[in-house]
Amino acid sequence: MADLTSRRQLRRRRRERDAMLLDLGALVYELHRQGRRAPELLQEKAIELGKLDRELRALEDSLEGR
């Protein structure tokens, strides 16, 4: 049962990561299109995405180790 719950969590977190990647890409494009710069915002979003990605990789590793 725990395995099933972990796999559901893995799928959910992957969807979250994919959505964050799309949002970050859209933000980069919009900033470029408007000729604006927002390095602090981009850095913040990239850090948030990195945290989720590390969490996701740890979850994947734990499931593979079982």
PDB file of N, CA and C in Angstrom:
ATOM      1  N   MET A   1       0.817  -1.193   0.000  1.00  0.00           N
ATOM      2  CA  MET A   1       0.000   0.000   0.000  1.00  0.00           C
ATOM      3  C   MET A   1       0.867   1.266   0.000  1.00  0.00           C
ATOM      4  N   ALA A   2       1.951   1.228   0.794  1.00  0.00           N
ATOM      5  CA  ALA A   2       2.848   2.389   0.856  1.00  0.00           C
ATOM      6  C   ALA A   2       3.478   2.645  -0.506  1.00  0.00           C
ATOM      7  N   ASP A   3       3.769   1.544  -1.228  1.00  0.00           N
ATOM      8  CA  ASP A   3       4.344   1.677  -2.566  1.00  0.00           C
ATOM      9  C   ASP A   3       3.377   2.395  -3.507  1.00  0.00           C
ATOM     10  N   LEU A   4       2.110   2.039  -3.432  1.00  0.00           N
ATOM     11  CA  LEU A   4       1.091   2.663  -4.268  1.00  0.00           C
ATOM     12  C   LEU A   4       0.969   4.155  -3.946  1.00  0.00           C
ATOM     13  N   THR A   5       0.968   4.480  -2.668  1.00  0.00           N
ATOM     14  CA  THR A   5       0.892   5.876  -2.239  1.00  0.00           C
ATOM     15  C   THR A   5       2.109   6.652  -2.732  1.00  0.00           C
ATOM     16  N   SER A   6       3.287   6.055  -2.629  1.00  0.00           N
ATOM     17  CA  SER A   6       4.508   6.715  -3.090  1.00  0.00           C
ATOM     18  C   SER A   6       4.485   6.925  -4.598  1.00  0.00           C
ATOM     19  N   ARG A   7       3.980   5.974  -5.320  1.00  0.00           N
ATOM     20  CA  ARG A   7       3.910   6.114  -6.789  1.00  0.00           C
ATOM     21  C   ARG A   7       2.915   7.207  -7.184  1.00  0.00           C
ATOM     22  N   ARG A   8       1.823   7.297  -6.456  1.00  0.00           N
ATOM     23  CA  ARG A   8       0.858   8.382  -6.724  1.00  0.00           C
ATOM     24  C   ARG A   8       1.498   9.733  -6.431  1.00  0.00           C
ATOM     25  N   GLN A   9       2.214   9.804  -5.326  1.00  0.00           N
ATOM     26  CA  GLN A   9       2.904  11.036  -4.964  1.00  0.00           C
ATOM     27  C   GLN A   9       3.944  11.382  -6.031  1.00  0.00           C
ATOM     28  N   LEU A  10       4.652  10.390  -6.526  1.00  0.00           N
ATOM     29  CA  LEU A  10       5.649  10.601  -7.574  1.00  0.00           C
ATOM     30  C   LEU A  10       4.998  11.186  -8.825  1.00  0.00           C
ATOM     31  N   ARG A  11       3.887  10.627  -9.249  1.00  0.00           N
ATOM     32  CA  ARG A  11       3.187  11.146 -10.434  1.00  0.00           C
ATOM     33  C   ARG A  11       2.717  12.582 -10.217  1.00  0.00           C
ATOM     34  N   ARG A  12       2.178  12.845  -9.026  1.00  0.00           N
ATOM     35  CA  ARG A  12       1.695  14.189  -8.714  1.00  0.00           C
ATOM     36  C   ARG A  12       2.839  15.191  -8.721  1.00  0.00           C
ATOM     37  N   ARG A  13       3.957  14.829  -8.103  1.00  0.00           N
ATOM     38  CA  ARG A  13       5.110  15.730  -8.048  1.00  0.00           C
ATOM     39  C   ARG A  13       5.710  15.948  -9.444  1.00  0.00           C
ATOM     40  N   ARG A  14       5.690  14.917 -10.281  1.00  0.00           N
ATOM     41  CA  ARG A  14       6.174  15.083 -11.666  1.00  0.00           C
ATOM     42  C   ARG A  14       5.309  16.086 -12.423  1.00  0.00           C
ATOM     43  N   ARG A  15       4.004  15.995 -12.226  1.00  0.00           N
ATOM     44  CA  ARG A  15       3.108  16.962 -12.878  1.00  0.00           C
ATOM     45  C   ARG A  15       3.384  18.375 -12.383  1.00  0.00           C
ATOM     46  N   GLU A  16       3.631  18.507 -11.080  1.00  0.00           N
ATOM     47  CA  GLU A  16       3.966  19.821 -10.520  1.00  0.00           C
ATOM     48  C   GLU A  16       5.249  20.356 -11.135  1.00  0.00           C
ATOM     49  N   ARG A  17       6.264  19.498 -11.246  1.00  0.00           N
ATOM     50  CA  ARG A  17       7.536  19.928 -11.833  1.00  0.00           C
ATOM     51  C   ARG A  17       7.346  20.350 -13.282  1.00  0.00           C
ATOM     52  N   ASP A  18       6.604  19.555 -14.038  1.00  0.00           N
ATOM     53  CA  ASP A  18       6.355  19.895 -15.443  1.00  0.00           C
ATOM     54  C   ASP A  18       5.635  21.236 -15.571  1.00  0.00           C
ATOM     55  N   ALA A  19       4.668  21.472 -14.696  1.00  0.00           N
ATOM     56  CA  ALA A  19       3.937  22.743 -14.723  1.00  0.00           C
ATOM     57  C   ALA A  19       4.868  23.905 -14.371  1.00  0.00           C
ATOM     58  N   MET A  20       5.740  23.692 -13.398  1.00  0.00           N
ATOM     59  CA  MET A  20       6.679  24.744 -13.015  1.00  0.00           C
ATOM     60  C   MET A  20       7.660  25.049 -14.146  1.00  0.00           C
ATOM     61  N   LEU A  21       8.098  24.009 -14.848  1.00  0.00           N
ATOM     62  CA  LEU A  21       8.995  24.214 -15.991  1.00  0.00           C
ATOM     63  C   LEU A  21       8.307  25.030 -17.079  1.00  0.00           C
ATOM     64  N   LEU A  22       7.064  24.699 -17.364  1.00  0.00           N
ATOM     65  CA  LEU A  22       6.305  25.458 -18.365  1.00  0.00           C
ATOM     66  C   LEU A  22       6.119  26.907 -17.938  1.00  0.00           C
ATOM     67  N   ASP A  23       5.791  27.106 -16.674  1.00  0.00           N
ATOM     68  CA  ASP A  23       5.611  28.470 -16.165  1.00  0.00           C
ATOM     69  C   ASP A  23       6.900  29.275 -16.251  1.00  0.00           C
ATOM     70  N   LEU A  24       8.006  28.647 -15.892  1.00  0.00           N
ATOM     71  CA  LEU A  24       9.292  29.341 -15.947  1.00  0.00           C
ATOM     72  C   LEU A  24       9.641  29.704 -17.390  1.00  0.00           C
ATOM     73  N   GLY A  25       9.435  28.778 -18.292  1.00  0.00           N
ATOM     74  CA  GLY A  25       9.694  29.060 -19.707  1.00  0.00           C
ATOM     75  C   GLY A  25       8.813  30.180 -20.233  1.00  0.00           C
ATOM     76  N   ALA A  26       7.553  30.168 -19.862  1.00  0.00           N
ATOM     77  CA  ALA A  26       6.628  31.216 -20.298  1.00  0.00           C
ATOM     78  C   ALA A  26       7.044  32.572 -19.724  1.00  0.00           C
ATOM     79  N   LEU A  27       7.491  32.569 -18.475  1.00  0.00           N
ATOM     80  CA  LEU A  27       7.942  33.810 -17.850  1.00  0.00           C
ATOM     81  C   LEU A  27       9.176  34.356 -18.570  1.00  0.00           C
ATOM     82  N   VAL A  28      10.133  33.493 -18.874  1.00  0.00           N
ATOM     83  CA  VAL A  28      11.338  33.919 -19.600  1.00  0.00           C
ATOM     84  C   VAL A  28      10.945  34.520 -20.943  1.00  0.00           C
ATOM     85  N   TYR A  29      10.067  33.842 -21.652  1.00  0.00           N
ATOM     86  CA  TYR A  29       9.650  34.342 -22.962  1.00  0.00           C
ATOM     87  C   TYR A  29       8.946  35.696 -22.845  1.00  0.00           C
ATOM     88  N   GLU A  30       8.023  35.818 -21.903  1.00  0.00           N
ATOM     89  CA  GLU A  30       7.289  37.075 -21.739  1.00  0.00           C
ATOM     90  C   GLU A  30       8.222  38.222 -21.380  1.00  0.00           C
ATOM     91  N   LEU A  31       9.159  37.960 -20.500  1.00  0.00           N
ATOM     92  CA  LEU A  31      10.127  38.999 -20.150  1.00  0.00           C
ATOM     93  C   LEU A  31      10.938  39.403 -21.385  1.00  0.00           C
ATOM     94  N   HIS A  32      11.363  38.431 -22.154  1.00  0.00           N
ATOM     95  CA  HIS A  32      12.106  38.708 -23.387  1.00  0.00           C
ATOM     96  C   HIS A  32      11.249  39.502 -24.364  1.00  0.00           C
ATOM     97  N   ARG A  33      10.019  39.065 -24.555  1.00  0.00           N
ATOM     98  CA  ARG A  33       9.111  39.711 -25.502  1.00  0.00           C
ATOM     99  C   ARG A  33       8.875  41.172 -25.132  1.00  0.00           C
ATOM    100  N   GLN A  34       8.792  41.436 -23.846  1.00  0.00           N
ATOM    101  CA  GLN A  34       8.529  42.793 -23.378  1.00  0.00           C
ATOM    102  C   GLN A  34       9.815  43.609 -23.186  1.00  0.00           C
ATOM    103  N   GLY A  35      10.959  42.986 -23.437  1.00  0.00           N
ATOM    104  CA  GLY A  35      12.224  43.680 -23.267  1.00  0.00           C
ATOM    105  C   GLY A  35      12.539  44.008 -21.823  1.00  0.00           C
ATOM    106  N   ARG A  36      12.022  43.205 -20.924  1.00  0.00           N
ATOM    107  CA  ARG A  36      12.220  43.442 -19.490  1.00  0.00           C
ATOM    108  C   ARG A  36      13.191  42.419 -18.915  1.00  0.00           C
ATOM    109  N   ARG A  37      13.725  42.745 -17.762  1.00  0.00           N
ATOM    110  CA  ARG A  37      14.613  41.836 -17.047  1.00  0.00           C
ATOM    111  C   ARG A  37      14.099  41.708 -15.616  1.00  0.00           C
ATOM    112  N   ALA A  38      14.171  40.512 -15.094  1.00  0.00           N
ATOM    113  CA  ALA A  38      13.768  40.284 -13.695  1.00  0.00           C
ATOM    114  C   ALA A  38      14.612  39.145 -13.128  1.00  0.00           C
ATOM    115  N   PRO A  39      15.924  39.365 -13.014  1.00  0.00           N
ATOM    116  CA  PRO A  39      16.801  38.275 -12.579  1.00  0.00           C
ATOM    117  C   PRO A  39      16.456  37.710 -11.204  1.00  0.00           C
ATOM    118  N   GLU A  40      16.010  38.571 -10.280  1.00  0.00           N
ATOM    119  CA  GLU A  40      15.671  38.074  -8.944  1.00  0.00           C
ATOM    120  C   GLU A  40      14.469  37.128  -8.998  1.00  0.00           C
ATOM    121  N   LEU A  41      13.477  37.484  -9.788  1.00  0.00           N
ATOM    122  CA  LEU A  41      12.289  36.641  -9.931  1.00  0.00           C
ATOM    123  C   LEU A  41      12.654  35.315 -10.586  1.00  0.00           C
ATOM    124  N   LEU A  42      13.452  35.368 -11.643  1.00  0.00           N
ATOM    125  CA  LEU A  42      13.859  34.141 -12.329  1.00  0.00           C
ATOM    126  C   LEU A  42      14.685  33.251 -11.401  1.00  0.00           C
ATOM    127  N   GLN A  43      15.564  33.863 -10.625  1.00  0.00           N
ATOM    128  CA  GLN A  43      16.378  33.104  -9.671  1.00  0.00           C
ATOM    129  C   GLN A  43      15.488  32.429  -8.634  1.00  0.00           C
ATOM    130  N   GLU A  44      14.514  33.154  -8.119  1.00  0.00           N
ATOM    131  CA  GLU A  44      13.588  32.608  -7.128  1.00  0.00           C
ATOM    132  C   GLU A  44      12.824  31.408  -7.696  1.00  0.00           C
ATOM    133  N   LYS A  45      12.321  31.557  -8.917  1.00  0.00           N
ATOM    134  CA  LYS A  45      11.564  30.471  -9.555  1.00  0.00           C
ATOM    135  C   LYS A  45      12.462  29.268  -9.821  1.00  0.00           C
ATOM    136  N   ALA A  46      13.703  29.508 -10.242  1.00  0.00           N
ATOM    137  CA  ALA A  46      14.628  28.412 -10.515  1.00  0.00           C
ATOM    138  C   ALA A  46      14.998  27.663  -9.238  1.00  0.00           C
ATOM    139  N   ILE A  47      15.168  28.388  -8.151  1.00  0.00           N
ATOM    140  CA  ILE A  47      15.473  27.746  -6.866  1.00  0.00           C
ATOM    141  C   ILE A  47      14.305  26.877  -6.418  1.00  0.00           C
ATOM    142  N   GLU A  48      13.104  27.395  -6.546  1.00  0.00           N
ATOM    143  CA  GLU A  48      11.897  26.636  -6.183  1.00  0.00           C
ATOM    144  C   GLU A  48      11.792  25.360  -7.021  1.00  0.00           C
ATOM    145  N   LEU A  49      12.059  25.485  -8.305  1.00  0.00           N
ATOM    146  CA  LEU A  49      12.024  24.327  -9.202  1.00  0.00           C
ATOM    147  C   LEU A  49      13.117  23.329  -8.829  1.00  0.00           C
ATOM    148  N   GLY A  50      14.286  23.813  -8.485  1.00  0.00           N
ATOM    149  CA  GLY A  50      15.382  22.934  -8.082  1.00  0.00           C
ATOM    150  C   GLY A  50      15.053  22.135  -6.834  1.00  0.00           C
ATOM    151  N   LYS A  51      14.411  22.773  -5.882  1.00  0.00           N
ATOM    152  CA  LYS A  51      14.001  22.067  -4.656  1.00  0.00           C
ATOM    153  C   LYS A  51      13.037  20.936  -4.978  1.00  0.00           C
ATOM    154  N   LEU A  52      12.054  21.230  -5.808  1.00  0.00           N
ATOM    155  CA  LEU A  52      11.084  20.202  -6.189  1.00  0.00           C
ATOM    156  C   LEU A  52      11.763  19.081  -6.960  1.00  0.00           C
ATOM    157  N   ASP A  53      12.690  19.438  -7.843  1.00  0.00           N
ATOM    158  CA  ASP A  53      13.383  18.424  -8.633  1.00  0.00           C
ATOM    159  C   ASP A  53      14.214  17.502  -7.737  1.00  0.00           C
ATOM    160  N   ARG A  54      14.902  18.067  -6.748  1.00  0.00           N
ATOM    161  CA  ARG A  54      15.673  17.232  -5.818  1.00  0.00           C
ATOM    162  C   ARG A  54      14.756  16.317  -5.008  1.00  0.00           C
ATOM    163  N   GLU A  55      13.619  16.837  -4.584  1.00  0.00           N
ATOM    164  CA  GLU A  55      12.642  16.018  -3.852  1.00  0.00           C
ATOM    165  C   GLU A  55      12.142  14.870  -4.721  1.00  0.00           C
ATOM    166  N   LEU A  56      11.865  15.190  -5.961  1.00  0.00           N
ATOM    167  CA  LEU A  56      11.374  14.185  -6.900  1.00  0.00           C
ATOM    168  C   LEU A  56      12.423  13.101  -7.143  1.00  0.00           C
ATOM    169  N   ARG A  57      13.666  13.505  -7.334  1.00  0.00           N
ATOM    170  CA  ARG A  57      14.746  12.525  -7.545  1.00  0.00           C
ATOM    171  C   ARG A  57      14.939  11.633  -6.322  1.00  0.00           C
ATOM    172  N   ALA A  58      14.833  12.195  -5.133  1.00  0.00           N
ATOM    173  CA  ALA A  58      14.953  11.395  -3.918  1.00  0.00           C
ATOM    174  C   ALA A  58      13.819  10.387  -3.828  1.00  0.00           C
ATOM    175  N   LEU A  59      12.624  10.808  -4.178  1.00  0.00           N
ATOM    176  CA  LEU A  59      11.476   9.899  -4.170  1.00  0.00           C
ATOM    177  C   LEU A  59      11.669   8.779  -5.199  1.00  0.00           C
ATOM    178  N   GLU A  60      12.147   9.151  -6.388  1.00  0.00           N
ATOM    179  CA  GLU A  60      12.421   8.134  -7.419  1.00  0.00           C
ATOM    180  C   GLU A  60      13.475   7.133  -6.931  1.00  0.00           C
ATOM    181  N   ASP A  61      14.538   7.653  -6.314  1.00  0.00           N
ATOM    182  CA  ASP A  61      15.589   6.774  -5.804  1.00  0.00           C
ATOM    183  C   ASP A  61      15.071   5.837  -4.732  1.00  0.00           C
ATOM    184  N   SER A  62      14.221   6.326  -3.837  1.00  0.00           N
ATOM    185  CA  SER A  62      13.701   5.487  -2.774  1.00  0.00           C
ATOM    186  C   SER A  62      12.788   4.396  -3.334  1.00  0.00           C
ATOM    187  N   LEU A  63      12.027   4.726  -4.376  1.00  0.00           N
ATOM    188  CA  LEU A  63      11.161   3.710  -4.978  1.00  0.00           C
ATOM    189  C   LEU A  63      11.963   2.659  -5.736  1.00  0.00           C
ATOM    190  N   GLU A  64      13.045   3.077  -6.369  1.00  0.00           N
ATOM    191  CA  GLU A  64      13.886   2.126  -7.095  1.00  0.00           C
ATOM    192  C   GLU A  64      14.630   1.206  -6.139  1.00  0.00           C
ATOM    193  N   GLY A  65      14.921   1.708  -4.932  1.00  0.00           N
ATOM    194  CA  GLY A  65      15.658   0.926  -3.935  1.00  0.00           C
ATOM    195  C   GLY A  65      14.839  -0.136  -3.242  1.00  0.00           C
ATOM    196  N   ARG A  66      13.542  -0.098  -3.419  1.00  0.00           N
ATOM    197  CA  ARG A  66      12.670  -1.075  -2.733  1.00  0.00           C
ATOM    198  C   ARG A  66      12.633  -2.380  -3.473  1.00  0.00           C
TER     199      ARG A  66
END
